[in-house]
Amino acid sequence: MELRDNIFKSFTDIWDSIYDSAPAILAALIVFAIFYLIGFFLRRLFKRRVMLRVTSSIVASFAGEGLFWLFSILGFLAASRILGFTGLAGSILAGAGISAIIFGFAFKDILENFLAGILLAFQKPFKVGDIIQIDKFKGPVRALEL
């Protein structure tokens, strides 16, 4: 009988804790959704605006995605702050910085190719359909991606 009462009390305590936290959880979800939607619409708007000025869709896509992820991360940090996880938000940022350094060394070649793609997108030395030769390899440019 005592075990059943302890289990029931544990579940009741958990439910009370969730019920008491419901307004903060709802506010955090709303704040995150607002930031997410702002990022989503800014991404679309920014892509359209950049495409009017720059002919490269790669640059527009990269800039739009960066803006979207910036707002998504800011929304996550704001939501975690509302929930009272201020220490968690700082730890996540510190961990992200350390992880970026580790992944930077681990994926050095991939990052070099990515940066080369960004430079090619801005400088536009050739376009789709051009025939290029690199060392002994020759062929048409089929697509330009990051």
Protein backbone atom coordinates (compact mmCIF):
# COMPACT_ATOMS: atom_id res chain seq x y z
CA MET A 1 0.00 0.00 0.00
CA GLU A 2 2.81 2.41 0.88
CA LEU A 3 4.61 1.80 -2.44
CA ARG A 4 1.43 2.57 -4.39
CA ASP A 5 0.95 5.79 -2.41
CA ASN A 6 4.57 6.84 -3.09
CA ILE A 7 4.17 6.19 -6.81
CA PHE A 8 0.86 8.08 -6.89
CA LYS A 9 2.41 11.00 -4.95
CA SER A 10 5.37 11.10 -7.36
CA PHE A 11 3.08 11.31 -10.37
CA THR A 12 0.92 13.90 -8.64
CA ASP A 13 4.00 16.03 -7.87
CA ILE A 14 5.18 15.80 -11.48
CA TRP A 15 1.73 16.75 -12.78
CA ASP A 16 1.54 19.71 -10.37
CA SER A 17 4.96 20.87 -11.51
CA ILE A 18 3.93 20.70 -15.17
CA TYR A 19 0.63 22.45 -14.40
CA ASP A 20 2.44 25.25 -12.55
CA SER A 21 4.95 25.64 -15.41
CA ALA A 22 2.33 25.62 -18.17
CA PRO A 23 2.13 29.43 -18.57
CA ALA A 24 5.92 29.71 -18.89
CA ILE A 25 6.05 26.79 -21.32
CA LEU A 26 3.28 28.33 -23.42
CA ALA A 27 5.00 31.74 -23.41
CA ALA A 28 8.30 30.13 -24.41
CA LEU A 29 6.64 28.26 -27.27
CA ILE A 30 4.93 31.44 -28.48
CA VAL A 31 8.19 33.42 -28.35
CA PHE A 32 10.06 30.69 -30.23
CA ALA A 33 7.28 30.46 -32.84
CA ILE A 34 7.37 34.24 -33.35
CA PHE A 35 11.14 34.25 -33.87
CA TYR A 36 10.87 31.21 -36.16
CA LEU A 37 8.16 32.84 -38.28
CA ILE A 38 10.07 36.13 -38.47
CA GLY A 39 13.14 34.19 -39.64
CA PHE A 40 11.05 32.26 -42.16
CA PHE A 41 9.50 35.37 -43.70
CA LEU A 42 12.76 37.33 -43.62
CA ARG A 43 14.48 34.46 -45.41
CA ARG A 44 11.92 34.59 -48.23
CA LEU A 45 11.94 38.39 -48.40
CA PHE A 46 15.72 38.61 -48.26
CA LYS A 47 16.13 36.00 -51.02
CA ARG A 48 13.77 37.95 -53.27
CA ARG A 49 15.48 41.28 -52.57
CA VAL A 50 18.99 39.93 -53.06
CA MET A 51 17.95 38.18 -56.30
CA LEU A 52 16.91 41.59 -57.68
CA ARG A 53 20.41 42.96 -57.09
CA VAL A 54 22.60 39.88 -57.52
CA THR A 55 22.22 37.34 -60.32
CA SER A 56 23.62 34.49 -58.24
CA SER A 57 20.95 32.41 -56.53
CA ILE A 58 23.68 30.86 -54.38
CA VAL A 59 24.39 34.14 -52.61
CA ALA A 60 20.70 34.83 -52.06
CA SER A 61 20.09 31.33 -50.71
CA PHE A 62 23.09 31.42 -48.39
CA ALA A 63 22.20 34.85 -46.99
CA GLY A 64 18.56 33.90 -46.52
CA GLU A 65 19.41 30.66 -44.72
CA GLY A 66 21.87 32.47 -42.47
CA LEU A 67 19.19 34.99 -41.50
CA PHE A 68 16.67 32.22 -40.84
CA TRP A 69 19.03 30.28 -38.59
CA LEU A 70 20.05 33.43 -36.73
CA PHE A 71 16.43 34.13 -35.79
CA SER A 72 15.78 30.48 -34.93
CA ILE A 73 18.73 30.41 -32.54
CA LEU A 74 17.73 33.74 -31.00
CA GLY A 75 14.21 32.37 -30.51
CA PHE A 76 15.55 29.25 -28.82
CA LEU A 77 17.74 31.31 -26.49
CA ALA A 78 14.84 33.66 -25.64
CA ALA A 79 12.53 30.69 -24.98
CA SER A 80 15.10 29.00 -22.74
CA ARG A 81 15.50 32.24 -20.82
CA ILE A 82 11.72 32.44 -20.27
CA LEU A 83 11.79 28.90 -18.90
CA GLY A 84 14.56 29.89 -16.51
CA PHE A 85 17.37 28.03 -18.25
CA THR A 86 19.74 31.01 -18.37
CA GLY A 87 22.68 28.86 -17.35
CA LEU A 88 21.72 26.32 -20.00
CA ALA A 89 21.66 28.99 -22.71
CA GLY A 90 25.16 30.14 -21.76
CA SER A 91 26.39 26.56 -21.68
CA ILE A 92 24.90 25.89 -25.10
CA LEU A 93 26.63 28.95 -26.55
CA ALA A 94 29.94 27.97 -24.99
CA GLY A 95 29.53 24.39 -26.21
CA ALA A 96 28.68 25.63 -29.69
CA GLY A 97 31.87 27.68 -29.79
CA ILE A 98 34.00 24.77 -28.70
CA SER A 99 32.18 22.44 -31.09
CA ALA A 100 32.74 24.88 -33.96
CA ILE A 101 36.48 24.75 -33.35
CA ILE A 102 36.50 20.95 -33.16
CA PHE A 103 34.35 20.55 -36.27
CA GLY A 104 36.44 23.17 -38.04
CA PHE A 105 39.54 21.04 -37.66
CA ALA A 106 37.69 17.79 -38.36
CA PHE A 107 36.03 19.04 -41.53
CA LYS A 108 38.78 21.33 -42.76
CA ASP A 109 38.63 20.11 -46.37
CA ILE A 110 34.85 20.37 -46.54
CA LEU A 111 34.96 23.89 -45.11
CA GLU A 112 37.63 24.89 -47.62
CA ASN A 113 35.40 23.69 -50.46
CA PHE A 114 32.43 25.51 -48.93
CA LEU A 115 34.38 28.76 -48.73
CA ALA A 116 35.60 28.24 -52.29
CA GLY A 117 31.95 27.88 -53.33
CA ILE A 118 31.11 31.16 -51.62
CA LEU A 119 34.00 32.90 -53.37
CA LEU A 120 32.92 31.48 -56.72
CA ALA A 121 29.38 32.67 -56.09
CA PHE A 122 30.55 36.23 -55.45
CA GLN A 123 33.28 36.47 -58.08
CA LYS A 124 31.42 34.54 -60.81
CA PRO A 125 34.43 33.57 -62.94
CA PHE A 126 32.17 31.26 -64.99
CA LYS A 127 28.51 30.38 -65.35
CA VAL A 128 26.44 27.26 -66.00
CA GLY A 129 27.17 25.94 -69.47
CA ASP A 130 30.75 27.23 -69.73
CA ILE A 131 33.44 24.71 -70.63
CA ILE A 132 36.30 24.77 -68.11
CA GLN A 133 39.52 22.84 -67.71
CA ILE A 134 41.16 22.08 -64.36
CA ASP A 135 44.49 20.26 -64.69
CA LYS A 136 43.76 17.44 -67.14
CA PHE A 137 39.98 17.45 -66.56
CA LYS A 138 37.75 19.34 -68.97
CA GLY A 139 33.97 19.65 -69.07
CA PRO A 140 30.89 21.84 -68.86
CA VAL A 141 29.72 23.58 -65.69
CA ARG A 142 26.44 21.89 -64.80
CA ALA A 143 25.58 23.70 -61.57
CA LEU A 144 27.07 26.09 -59.03
CA GLU A 145 26.40 25.24 -55.41
CA LEU A 146 28.01 26.02 -52.09
